[in-house]
């Protein structure tokens, strides 16, 4: 019993860096999700556009997960995450402001 409890504690301590968030990226992802939802609610995004933007959000989350995989986010990884987030932000803006609207 004590061994399993000790193992559980050690496992949680060992995985703590993996679960440590990147607060700026987490906030940015939440903001982008809200922008997509607002576009859907306002009829500015069609279903295919929404699907593509949602896939972009999944990609952004995977990039962040990969960067945190070794327990440390380097400057290079942080720059890559920012680059990907900037691209996704531009895609959201373009899709919300194009001539296509959901009926």
PDB file of N, CA and C in Angstrom:
ATOM      1  N   UNK A   1       0.826  -1.190   0.000  1.00  0.00           N
ATOM      2  CA  UNK A   1       0.000   0.000   0.000  1.00  0.00           C
ATOM      3  C   UNK A   1       0.868   1.250   0.000  1.00  0.00           C
ATOM      4  N   UNK A   2       1.898   1.248   0.857  1.00  0.00           N
ATOM      5  CA  UNK A   2       2.761   2.415   0.936  1.00  0.00           C
ATOM      6  C   UNK A   2       3.545   2.610  -0.357  1.00  0.00           C
ATOM      7  N   UNK A   3       3.952   1.485  -0.983  1.00  0.00           N
ATOM      8  CA  UNK A   3       4.690   1.593  -2.238  1.00  0.00           C
ATOM      9  C   UNK A   3       3.834   2.221  -3.331  1.00  0.00           C
ATOM     10  N   UNK A   4       2.570   1.821  -3.419  1.00  0.00           N
ATOM     11  CA  UNK A   4       1.704   2.378  -4.461  1.00  0.00           C
ATOM     12  C   UNK A   4       1.423   3.852  -4.204  1.00  0.00           C
ATOM     13  N   UNK A   5       1.295   4.244  -2.933  1.00  0.00           N
ATOM     14  CA  UNK A   5       1.061   5.647  -2.611  1.00  0.00           C
ATOM     15  C   UNK A   5       2.306   6.465  -2.946  1.00  0.00           C
ATOM     16  N   UNK A   6       3.487   5.926  -2.607  1.00  0.00           N
ATOM     17  CA  UNK A   6       4.739   6.596  -2.912  1.00  0.00           C
ATOM     18  C   UNK A   6       4.900   6.740  -4.428  1.00  0.00           C
ATOM     19  N   UNK A   7       4.569   5.680  -5.161  1.00  0.00           N
ATOM     20  CA  UNK A   7       4.653   5.729  -6.618  1.00  0.00           C
ATOM     21  C   UNK A   7       3.716   6.799  -7.181  1.00  0.00           C
ATOM     22  N   UNK A   8       2.510   6.887  -6.643  1.00  0.00           N
ATOM     23  CA  UNK A   8       1.547   7.891  -7.118  1.00  0.00           C
ATOM     24  C   UNK A   8       2.065   9.301  -6.865  1.00  0.00           C
ATOM     25  N   UNK A   9       2.648   9.525  -5.705  1.00  0.00           N
ATOM     26  CA  UNK A   9       3.197  10.848  -5.382  1.00  0.00           C
ATOM     27  C   UNK A   9       4.362  11.177  -6.309  1.00  0.00           C
ATOM     28  N   UNK A  10       5.267  10.208  -6.499  1.00  0.00           N
ATOM     29  CA  UNK A  10       6.407  10.434  -7.380  1.00  0.00           C
ATOM     30  C   UNK A  10       5.961  10.672  -8.822  1.00  0.00           C
ATOM     31  N   UNK A  11       4.959   9.939  -9.260  1.00  0.00           N
ATOM     32  CA  UNK A  11       4.459  10.123 -10.623  1.00  0.00           C
ATOM     33  C   UNK A  11       3.856  11.503 -10.800  1.00  0.00           C
ATOM     34  N   UNK A  12       3.131  11.980  -9.789  1.00  0.00           N
ATOM     35  CA  UNK A  12       2.524  13.312  -9.907  1.00  0.00           C
ATOM     36  C   UNK A  12       3.586  14.404  -9.883  1.00  0.00           C
ATOM     37  N   UNK A  13       4.640  14.211  -9.097  1.00  0.00           N
ATOM     38  CA  UNK A  13       5.736  15.191  -9.053  1.00  0.00           C
ATOM     39  C   UNK A  13       6.499  15.175 -10.372  1.00  0.00           C
ATOM     40  N   UNK A  14       6.707  14.002 -10.931  1.00  0.00           N
ATOM     41  CA  UNK A  14       7.452  13.883 -12.180  1.00  0.00           C
ATOM     42  C   UNK A  14       6.689  14.473 -13.356  1.00  0.00           C
ATOM     43  N   UNK A  15       5.364  14.383 -13.325  1.00  0.00           N
ATOM     44  CA  UNK A  15       4.584  14.901 -14.448  1.00  0.00           C
ATOM     45  C   UNK A  15       4.164  16.347 -14.248  1.00  0.00           C
ATOM     46  N   UNK A  16       4.467  16.942 -13.105  1.00  0.00           N
ATOM     47  CA  UNK A  16       4.080  18.331 -12.851  1.00  0.00           C
ATOM     48  C   UNK A  16       4.605  19.287 -13.924  1.00  0.00           C
ATOM     49  N   UNK A  17       5.879  19.163 -14.357  1.00  0.00           N
ATOM     50  CA  UNK A  17       6.337  20.065 -15.415  1.00  0.00           C
ATOM     51  C   UNK A  17       5.563  19.898 -16.714  1.00  0.00           C
ATOM     52  N   UNK A  18       5.106  18.675 -16.991  1.00  0.00           N
ATOM     53  CA  UNK A  18       4.342  18.451 -18.218  1.00  0.00           C
ATOM     54  C   UNK A  18       2.986  19.135 -18.149  1.00  0.00           C
ATOM     55  N   UNK A  19       2.439  19.201 -16.959  1.00  0.00           N
ATOM     56  CA  UNK A  19       1.126  19.799 -16.798  1.00  0.00           C
ATOM     57  C   UNK A  19       1.206  21.299 -16.556  1.00  0.00           C
ATOM     58  N   UNK A  20       2.421  21.788 -16.287  1.00  0.00           N
ATOM     59  CA  UNK A  20       2.583  23.219 -16.064  1.00  0.00           C
ATOM     60  C   UNK A  20       2.193  23.947 -17.342  1.00  0.00           C
ATOM     61  N   UNK A  21       1.340  24.914 -17.194  1.00  0.00           N
ATOM     62  CA  UNK A  21       0.822  25.610 -18.356  1.00  0.00           C
ATOM     63  C   UNK A  21       1.732  26.705 -18.864  1.00  0.00           C
ATOM     64  N   UNK A  22       1.404  27.179 -19.996  1.00  0.00           N
ATOM     65  CA  UNK A  22       2.020  28.379 -20.528  1.00  0.00           C
ATOM     66  C   UNK A  22       0.890  29.399 -20.524  1.00  0.00           C
ATOM     67  N   UNK A  23       0.786  30.190 -19.469  1.00  0.00           N
ATOM     68  CA  UNK A  23      -0.386  31.035 -19.247  1.00  0.00           C
ATOM     69  C   UNK A  23      -0.722  31.954 -20.427  1.00  0.00           C
ATOM     70  N   UNK A  24       0.294  32.506 -21.050  1.00  0.00           N
ATOM     71  CA  UNK A  24       0.028  33.407 -22.176  1.00  0.00           C
ATOM     72  C   UNK A  24      -0.622  32.648 -23.337  1.00  0.00           C
ATOM     73  N   UNK A  25      -0.095  31.464 -23.636  1.00  0.00           N
ATOM     74  CA  UNK A  25      -0.665  30.680 -24.739  1.00  0.00           C
ATOM     75  C   UNK A  25      -2.051  30.164 -24.383  1.00  0.00           C
ATOM     76  N   UNK A  26      -2.253  29.775 -23.136  1.00  0.00           N
ATOM     77  CA  UNK A  26      -3.572  29.292 -22.724  1.00  0.00           C
ATOM     78  C   UNK A  26      -4.615  30.397 -22.870  1.00  0.00           C
ATOM     79  N   UNK A  27      -4.264  31.598 -22.455  1.00  0.00           N
ATOM     80  CA  UNK A  27      -5.182  32.729 -22.578  1.00  0.00           C
ATOM     81  C   UNK A  27      -5.434  33.059 -24.045  1.00  0.00           C
ATOM     82  N   UNK A  28      -4.394  32.981 -24.843  1.00  0.00           N
ATOM     83  CA  UNK A  28      -4.531  33.283 -26.265  1.00  0.00           C
ATOM     84  C   UNK A  28      -5.428  32.262 -26.966  1.00  0.00           C
ATOM     85  N   UNK A  29      -5.246  30.984 -26.626  1.00  0.00           N
ATOM     86  CA  UNK A  29      -6.099  29.944 -27.204  1.00  0.00           C
ATOM     87  C   UNK A  29      -7.554  30.160 -26.810  1.00  0.00           C
ATOM     88  N   UNK A  30      -7.784  30.518 -25.565  1.00  0.00           N
ATOM     89  CA  UNK A  30      -9.153  30.767 -25.097  1.00  0.00           C
ATOM     90  C   UNK A  30      -9.762  31.949 -25.838  1.00  0.00           C
ATOM     91  N   UNK A  31      -8.972  32.999 -26.044  1.00  0.00           N
ATOM     92  CA  UNK A  31      -9.452  34.166 -26.773  1.00  0.00           C
ATOM     93  C   UNK A  31      -9.800  33.812 -28.212  1.00  0.00           C
ATOM     94  N   UNK A  32      -8.962  33.014 -28.842  1.00  0.00           N
ATOM     95  CA  UNK A  32      -9.223  32.621 -30.226  1.00  0.00           C
ATOM     96  C   UNK A  32     -10.456  31.737 -30.330  1.00  0.00           C
ATOM     97  N   UNK A  33     -10.643  30.833 -29.358  1.00  0.00           N
ATOM     98  CA  UNK A  33     -11.861  30.010 -29.353  1.00  0.00           C
ATOM     99  C   UNK A  33     -13.097  30.893 -29.227  1.00  0.00           C
ATOM    100  N   UNK A  34     -13.015  31.912 -28.379  1.00  0.00           N
ATOM    101  CA  UNK A  34     -14.145  32.829 -28.196  1.00  0.00           C
ATOM    102  C   UNK A  34     -14.425  33.604 -29.489  1.00  0.00           C
ATOM    103  N   UNK A  35     -13.375  33.994 -30.194  1.00  0.00           N
ATOM    104  CA  UNK A  35     -13.562  34.702 -31.477  1.00  0.00           C
ATOM    105  C   UNK A  35     -14.253  33.810 -32.502  1.00  0.00           C
ATOM    106  N   UNK A  36     -13.872  32.527 -32.531  1.00  0.00           N
ATOM    107  CA  UNK A  36     -14.503  31.584 -33.457  1.00  0.00           C
ATOM    108  C   UNK A  36     -15.973  31.410 -33.087  1.00  0.00           C
ATOM    109  N   UNK A  37     -16.253  31.230 -31.802  1.00  0.00           N
ATOM    110  CA  UNK A  37     -17.635  31.064 -31.348  1.00  0.00           C
ATOM    111  C   UNK A  37     -18.470  32.302 -31.666  1.00  0.00           C
ATOM    112  N   UNK A  38     -17.885  33.478 -31.518  1.00  0.00           N
ATOM    113  CA  UNK A  38     -18.608  34.713 -31.840  1.00  0.00           C
ATOM    114  C   UNK A  38     -18.901  34.772 -33.338  1.00  0.00           C
ATOM    115  N   UNK A  39     -17.963  34.296 -34.146  1.00  0.00           N
ATOM    116  CA  UNK A  39     -18.178  34.270 -35.589  1.00  0.00           C
ATOM    117  C   UNK A  39     -19.290  33.313 -35.985  1.00  0.00           C
ATOM    118  N   UNK A  40     -19.375  32.198 -35.301  1.00  0.00           N
ATOM    119  CA  UNK A  40     -20.445  31.233 -35.565  1.00  0.00           C
ATOM    120  C   UNK A  40     -21.781  31.837 -35.140  1.00  0.00           C
ATOM    121  N   UNK A  41     -21.819  32.418 -33.944  1.00  0.00           N
ATOM    122  CA  UNK A  41     -23.060  32.992 -33.421  1.00  0.00           C
ATOM    123  C   UNK A  41     -23.542  34.157 -34.279  1.00  0.00           C
ATOM    124  N   UNK A  42     -22.616  34.933 -34.817  1.00  0.00           N
ATOM    125  CA  UNK A  42     -22.990  36.084 -35.636  1.00  0.00           C
ATOM    126  C   UNK A  42     -23.234  35.744 -37.099  1.00  0.00           C
ATOM    127  N   UNK A  43     -23.018  34.488 -37.471  1.00  0.00           N
ATOM    128  CA  UNK A  43     -23.234  34.074 -38.858  1.00  0.00           C
ATOM    129  C   UNK A  43     -22.103  34.481 -39.783  1.00  0.00           C
ATOM    130  N   UNK A  44     -20.991  34.935 -39.230  1.00  0.00           N
ATOM    131  CA  UNK A  44     -19.866  35.368 -40.054  1.00  0.00           C
ATOM    132  C   UNK A  44     -19.045  34.198 -40.588  1.00  0.00           C
ATOM    133  N   UNK A  45     -19.186  33.030 -39.954  1.00  0.00           N
ATOM    134  CA  UNK A  45     -18.429  31.855 -40.372  1.00  0.00           C
ATOM    135  C   UNK A  45     -19.361  30.770 -40.897  1.00  0.00           C
ATOM    136  N   UNK A  46     -18.977  30.196 -42.025  1.00  0.00           N
ATOM    137  CA  UNK A  46     -19.729  29.067 -42.554  1.00  0.00           C
ATOM    138  C   UNK A  46     -19.268  27.804 -41.819  1.00  0.00           C
ATOM    139  N   UNK A  47     -19.983  26.712 -42.019  1.00  0.00           N
ATOM    140  CA  UNK A  47     -19.599  25.463 -41.356  1.00  0.00           C
ATOM    141  C   UNK A  47     -18.208  24.986 -41.766  1.00  0.00           C
ATOM    142  N   UNK A  48     -17.877  24.984 -43.069  1.00  0.00           N
ATOM    143  CA  UNK A  48     -16.524  24.550 -43.450  1.00  0.00           C
ATOM    144  C   UNK A  48     -15.431  25.464 -42.870  1.00  0.00           C
ATOM    145  N   UNK A  49     -15.687  26.764 -42.834  1.00  0.00           N
ATOM    146  CA  UNK A  49     -14.710  27.677 -42.247  1.00  0.00           C
ATOM    147  C   UNK A  49     -14.518  27.366 -40.766  1.00  0.00           C
ATOM    148  N   UNK A  50     -15.617  27.105 -40.083  1.00  0.00           N
ATOM    149  CA  UNK A  50     -15.548  26.791 -38.657  1.00  0.00           C
ATOM    150  C   UNK A  50     -14.775  25.503 -38.428  1.00  0.00           C
ATOM    151  N   UNK A  51     -15.009  24.507 -39.264  1.00  0.00           N
ATOM    152  CA  UNK A  51     -14.288  23.238 -39.145  1.00  0.00           C
ATOM    153  C   UNK A  51     -12.782  23.446 -39.314  1.00  0.00           C
ATOM    154  N   UNK A  52     -12.407  24.227 -40.330  1.00  0.00           N
ATOM    155  CA  UNK A  52     -10.981  24.482 -40.573  1.00  0.00           C
ATOM    156  C   UNK A  52     -10.351  25.253 -39.415  1.00  0.00           C
ATOM    157  N   UNK A  53     -11.062  26.242 -38.902  1.00  0.00           N
ATOM    158  CA  UNK A  53     -10.528  27.025 -37.790  1.00  0.00           C
ATOM    159  C   UNK A  53     -10.408  26.183 -36.521  1.00  0.00           C
ATOM    160  N   UNK A  54     -11.358  25.297 -36.306  1.00  0.00           N
ATOM    161  CA  UNK A  54     -11.289  24.400 -35.147  1.00  0.00           C
ATOM    162  C   UNK A  54     -10.085  23.463 -35.280  1.00  0.00           C
ATOM    163  N   UNK A  55      -9.831  22.985 -36.481  1.00  0.00           N
ATOM    164  CA  UNK A  55      -8.655  22.132 -36.714  1.00  0.00           C
ATOM    165  C   UNK A  55      -7.375  22.915 -36.455  1.00  0.00           C
ATOM    166  N   UNK A  56      -7.374  24.194 -36.795  1.00  0.00           N
ATOM    167  CA  UNK A  56      -6.220  25.051 -36.510  1.00  0.00           C
ATOM    168  C   UNK A  56      -5.991  25.207 -35.024  1.00  0.00           C
ATOM    169  N   UNK A  57      -7.061  25.281 -34.249  1.00  0.00           N
ATOM    170  CA  UNK A  57      -6.936  25.369 -32.799  1.00  0.00           C
ATOM    171  C   UNK A  57      -6.353  24.078 -32.232  1.00  0.00           C
ATOM    172  N   UNK A  58      -6.772  22.944 -32.783  1.00  0.00           N
ATOM    173  CA  UNK A  58      -6.226  21.658 -32.344  1.00  0.00           C
ATOM    174  C   UNK A  58      -4.728  21.610 -32.655  1.00  0.00           C
ATOM    175  N   UNK A  59      -4.349  22.076 -33.838  1.00  0.00           N
ATOM    176  CA  UNK A  59      -2.936  22.108 -34.218  1.00  0.00           C
ATOM    177  C   UNK A  59      -2.142  22.980 -33.247  1.00  0.00           C
ATOM    178  N   UNK A  60      -2.683  24.135 -32.914  1.00  0.00           N
ATOM    179  CA  UNK A  60      -2.018  25.049 -31.985  1.00  0.00           C
ATOM    180  C   UNK A  60      -1.818  24.381 -30.622  1.00  0.00           C
ATOM    181  N   UNK A  61      -2.827  23.661 -30.170  1.00  0.00           N
ATOM    182  CA  UNK A  61      -2.719  22.960 -28.891  1.00  0.00           C
ATOM    183  C   UNK A  61      -1.659  21.858 -28.952  1.00  0.00           C
ATOM    184  N   UNK A  62      -1.576  21.173 -30.081  1.00  0.00           N
ATOM    185  CA  UNK A  62      -0.561  20.118 -30.243  1.00  0.00           C
ATOM    186  C   UNK A  62       0.847  20.700 -30.243  1.00  0.00           C
ATOM    187  N   UNK A  63       1.018  21.856 -30.879  1.00  0.00           N
ATOM    188  CA  UNK A  63       2.325  22.520 -30.884  1.00  0.00           C
ATOM    189  C   UNK A  63       2.738  22.836 -29.447  1.00  0.00           C
ATOM    190  N   UNK A  64       1.796  23.346 -28.668  1.00  0.00           N
ATOM    191  CA  UNK A  64       2.084  23.663 -27.270  1.00  0.00           C
ATOM    192  C   UNK A  64       2.425  22.396 -26.477  1.00  0.00           C
ATOM    193  N   UNK A  65       1.677  21.329 -26.710  1.00  0.00           N
ATOM    194  CA  UNK A  65       1.927  20.067 -26.009  1.00  0.00           C
ATOM    195  C   UNK A  65       3.308  19.522 -26.347  1.00  0.00           C
ATOM    196  N   UNK A  66       3.686  19.594 -27.622  1.00  0.00           N
ATOM    197  CA  UNK A  66       5.012  19.135 -28.035  1.00  0.00           C
ATOM    198  C   UNK A  66       6.115  19.960 -27.384  1.00  0.00           C
ATOM    199  N   UNK A  67       5.885  21.274 -27.299  1.00  0.00           N
ATOM    200  CA  UNK A  67       6.894  22.149 -26.703  1.00  0.00           C
ATOM    201  C   UNK A  67       7.087  21.840 -25.222  1.00  0.00           C
ATOM    202  N   UNK A  68       6.017  21.452 -24.547  1.00  0.00           N
ATOM    203  CA  UNK A  68       6.094  21.174 -23.115  1.00  0.00           C
ATOM    204  C   UNK A  68       6.473  19.725 -22.813  1.00  0.00           C
ATOM    205  N   UNK A  69       6.644  18.904 -23.822  1.00  0.00           N
ATOM    206  CA  UNK A  69       6.851  17.464 -23.630  1.00  0.00           C
ATOM    207  C   UNK A  69       8.075  17.139 -22.791  1.00  0.00           C
ATOM    208  N   UNK A  70       9.138  17.901 -22.924  1.00  0.00           N
ATOM    209  CA  UNK A  70      10.343  17.601 -22.151  1.00  0.00           C
ATOM    210  C   UNK A  70      10.393  18.353 -20.823  1.00  0.00           C
ATOM    211  N   UNK A  71       9.329  19.074 -20.506  1.00  0.00           N
ATOM    212  CA  UNK A  71       9.256  19.766 -19.224  1.00  0.00           C
ATOM    213  C   UNK A  71       9.773  21.186 -19.248  1.00  0.00           C
ATOM    214  N   UNK A  72      10.299  21.619 -20.381  1.00  0.00           N
ATOM    215  CA  UNK A  72      10.835  22.974 -20.491  1.00  0.00           C
ATOM    216  C   UNK A  72      10.472  23.542 -21.850  1.00  0.00           C
ATOM    217  N   UNK A  73      10.028  24.786 -21.857  1.00  0.00           N
ATOM    218  CA  UNK A  73       9.719  25.453 -23.114  1.00  0.00           C
ATOM    219  C   UNK A  73      10.859  26.429 -23.397  1.00  0.00           C
ATOM    220  N   UNK A  74      11.627  26.127 -24.440  1.00  0.00           N
ATOM    221  CA  UNK A  74      12.773  26.969 -24.782  1.00  0.00           C
ATOM    222  C   UNK A  74      12.304  28.221 -25.505  1.00  0.00           C
ATOM    223  N   UNK A  75      13.227  29.166 -25.686  1.00  0.00           N
ATOM    224  CA  UNK A  75      12.903  30.400 -26.411  1.00  0.00           C
ATOM    225  C   UNK A  75      12.480  30.079 -27.846  1.00  0.00           C
ATOM    226  N   UNK A  76      13.164  29.129 -28.433  1.00  0.00           N
ATOM    227  CA  UNK A  76      12.843  28.749 -29.812  1.00  0.00           C
ATOM    228  C   UNK A  76      11.438  28.148 -29.899  1.00  0.00           C
ATOM    229  N   UNK A  77      11.095  27.276 -28.941  1.00  0.00           N
ATOM    230  CA  UNK A  77       9.762  26.672 -28.923  1.00  0.00           C
ATOM    231  C   UNK A  77       8.693  27.738 -28.666  1.00  0.00           C
ATOM    232  N   UNK A  78       8.993  28.671 -27.762  1.00  0.00           N
ATOM    233  CA  UNK A  78       8.055  29.753 -27.468  1.00  0.00           C
ATOM    234  C   UNK A  78       7.822  30.616 -28.715  1.00  0.00           C
ATOM    235  N   UNK A  79       8.904  30.887 -29.454  1.00  0.00           N
ATOM    236  CA  UNK A  79       8.785  31.661 -30.695  1.00  0.00           C
ATOM    237  C   UNK A  79       7.939  30.912 -31.719  1.00  0.00           C
ATOM    238  N   UNK A  80       8.131  29.597 -31.804  1.00  0.00           N
ATOM    239  CA  UNK A  80       7.348  28.774 -32.741  1.00  0.00           C
ATOM    240  C   UNK A  80       5.862  28.802 -32.366  1.00  0.00           C
ATOM    241  N   UNK A  81       5.576  28.693 -31.058  1.00  0.00           N
ATOM    242  CA  UNK A  81       4.183  28.742 -30.607  1.00  0.00           C
ATOM    243  C   UNK A  81       3.555  30.095 -30.951  1.00  0.00           C
ATOM    244  N   UNK A  82       4.311  31.174 -30.749  1.00  0.00           N
ATOM    245  CA  UNK A  82       3.792  32.504 -31.072  1.00  0.00           C
ATOM    246  C   UNK A  82       3.533  32.642 -32.568  1.00  0.00           C
ATOM    247  N   UNK A  83       4.442  32.100 -33.367  1.00  0.00           N
ATOM    248  CA  UNK A  83       4.274  32.140 -34.821  1.00  0.00           C
ATOM    249  C   UNK A  83       2.992  31.417 -35.238  1.00  0.00           C
ATOM    250  N   UNK A  84       2.793  30.224 -34.702  1.00  0.00           N
ATOM    251  CA  UNK A  84       1.593  29.447 -35.036  1.00  0.00           C
ATOM    252  C   UNK A  84       0.324  30.159 -34.557  1.00  0.00           C
ATOM    253  N   UNK A  85       0.375  30.753 -33.366  1.00  0.00           N
ATOM    254  CA  UNK A  85      -0.784  31.474 -32.841  1.00  0.00           C
ATOM    255  C   UNK A  85      -1.082  32.710 -33.692  1.00  0.00           C
ATOM    256  N   UNK A  86      -0.041  33.389 -34.158  1.00  0.00           N
ATOM    257  CA  UNK A  86      -0.244  34.558 -35.027  1.00  0.00           C
ATOM    258  C   UNK A  86      -0.906  34.151 -36.339  1.00  0.00           C
ATOM    259  N   UNK A  87      -0.450  33.056 -36.910  1.00  0.00           N
ATOM    260  CA  UNK A  87      -1.050  32.576 -38.163  1.00  0.00           C
ATOM    261  C   UNK A  87      -2.526  32.234 -37.959  1.00  0.00           C
ATOM    262  N   UNK A  88      -2.826  31.543 -36.857  1.00  0.00           N
ATOM    263  CA  UNK A  88      -4.214  31.169 -36.582  1.00  0.00           C
ATOM    264  C   UNK A  88      -5.064  32.422 -36.378  1.00  0.00           C
ATOM    265  N   UNK A  89      -4.525  33.410 -35.713  1.00  0.00           N
ATOM    266  CA  UNK A  89      -5.260  34.654 -35.483  1.00  0.00           C
ATOM    267  C   UNK A  89      -5.593  35.337 -36.812  1.00  0.00           C
ATOM    268  N   UNK A  90      -4.617  35.360 -37.717  1.00  0.00           N
ATOM    269  CA  UNK A  90      -4.866  35.957 -39.039  1.00  0.00           C
ATOM    270  C   UNK A  90      -5.937  35.179 -39.810  1.00  0.00           C
ATOM    271  N   UNK A  91      -5.887  33.842 -39.709  1.00  0.00           N
ATOM    272  CA  UNK A  91      -6.911  33.022 -40.388  1.00  0.00           C
ATOM    273  C   UNK A  91      -8.303  33.337 -39.850  1.00  0.00           C
ATOM    274  N   UNK A  92      -8.419  33.460 -38.536  1.00  0.00           N
ATOM    275  CA  UNK A  92      -9.716  33.765 -37.937  1.00  0.00           C
ATOM    276  C   UNK A  92     -10.215  35.111 -38.454  1.00  0.00           C
ATOM    277  N   UNK A  93      -9.350  36.103 -38.456  1.00  0.00           N
ATOM    278  CA  UNK A  93      -9.750  37.436 -38.930  1.00  0.00           C
ATOM    279  C   UNK A  93     -10.200  37.389 -40.388  1.00  0.00           C
ATOM    280  N   UNK A  94      -9.389  36.721 -41.225  1.00  0.00           N
ATOM    281  CA  UNK A  94      -9.730  36.651 -42.655  1.00  0.00           C
ATOM    282  C   UNK A  94     -11.070  35.967 -42.883  1.00  0.00           C
ATOM    283  N   UNK A  95     -11.290  34.855 -42.198  1.00  0.00           N
ATOM    284  CA  UNK A  95     -12.532  34.113 -42.411  1.00  0.00           C
ATOM    285  C   UNK A  95     -13.745  34.871 -41.882  1.00  0.00           C
ATOM    286  N   UNK A  96     -13.575  35.569 -40.787  1.00  0.00           N
ATOM    287  CA  UNK A  96     -14.711  36.314 -40.219  1.00  0.00           C
ATOM    288  C   UNK A  96     -15.074  37.529 -41.069  1.00  0.00           C
ATOM    289  N   UNK A  97     -14.102  38.069 -41.804  1.00  0.00           N
ATOM    290  CA  UNK A  97     -14.355  39.307 -42.534  1.00  0.00           C
ATOM    291  C   UNK A  97     -14.412  39.104 -44.053  1.00  0.00           C
ATOM    292  N   UNK A  98     -14.519  37.866 -44.501  1.00  0.00           N
ATOM    293  CA  UNK A  98     -14.664  37.663 -45.952  1.00  0.00           C
ATOM    294  C   UNK A  98     -16.140  37.812 -46.335  1.00  0.00           C
ATOM    295  N   UNK A  99     -16.400  37.662 -47.610  1.00  0.00           N
ATOM    296  CA  UNK A  99     -17.762  37.895 -48.116  1.00  0.00           C
ATOM    297  C   UNK A  99     -18.713  36.732 -47.849  1.00  0.00           C
ATOM    298  N   UNK A 100     -18.203  35.616 -47.353  1.00  0.00           N
ATOM    299  CA  UNK A 100     -19.057  34.446 -47.103  1.00  0.00           C
ATOM    300  C   UNK A 100     -19.738  34.580 -45.745  1.00  0.00           C
ATOM    301  N   UNK A 101     -21.012  34.302 -45.732  1.00  0.00           N
ATOM    302  CA  UNK A 101     -21.776  34.317 -44.474  1.00  0.00           C
ATOM    303  C   UNK A 101     -22.702  33.118 -44.462  1.00  0.00           C
ATOM    304  N   UNK A 102     -22.975  32.634 -43.269  1.00  0.00           N
ATOM    305  CA  UNK A 102     -23.912  31.520 -43.134  1.00  0.00           C
ATOM    306  C   UNK A 102     -25.320  32.078 -43.184  1.00  0.00           C
ATOM    307  N   UNK A 103     -26.174  31.426 -43.927  1.00  0.00           N
ATOM    308  CA  UNK A 103     -27.564  31.903 -44.050  1.00  0.00           C
ATOM    309  C   UNK A 103     -28.409  31.478 -42.910  1.00  0.00           C
TER     310      UNK A 103
END
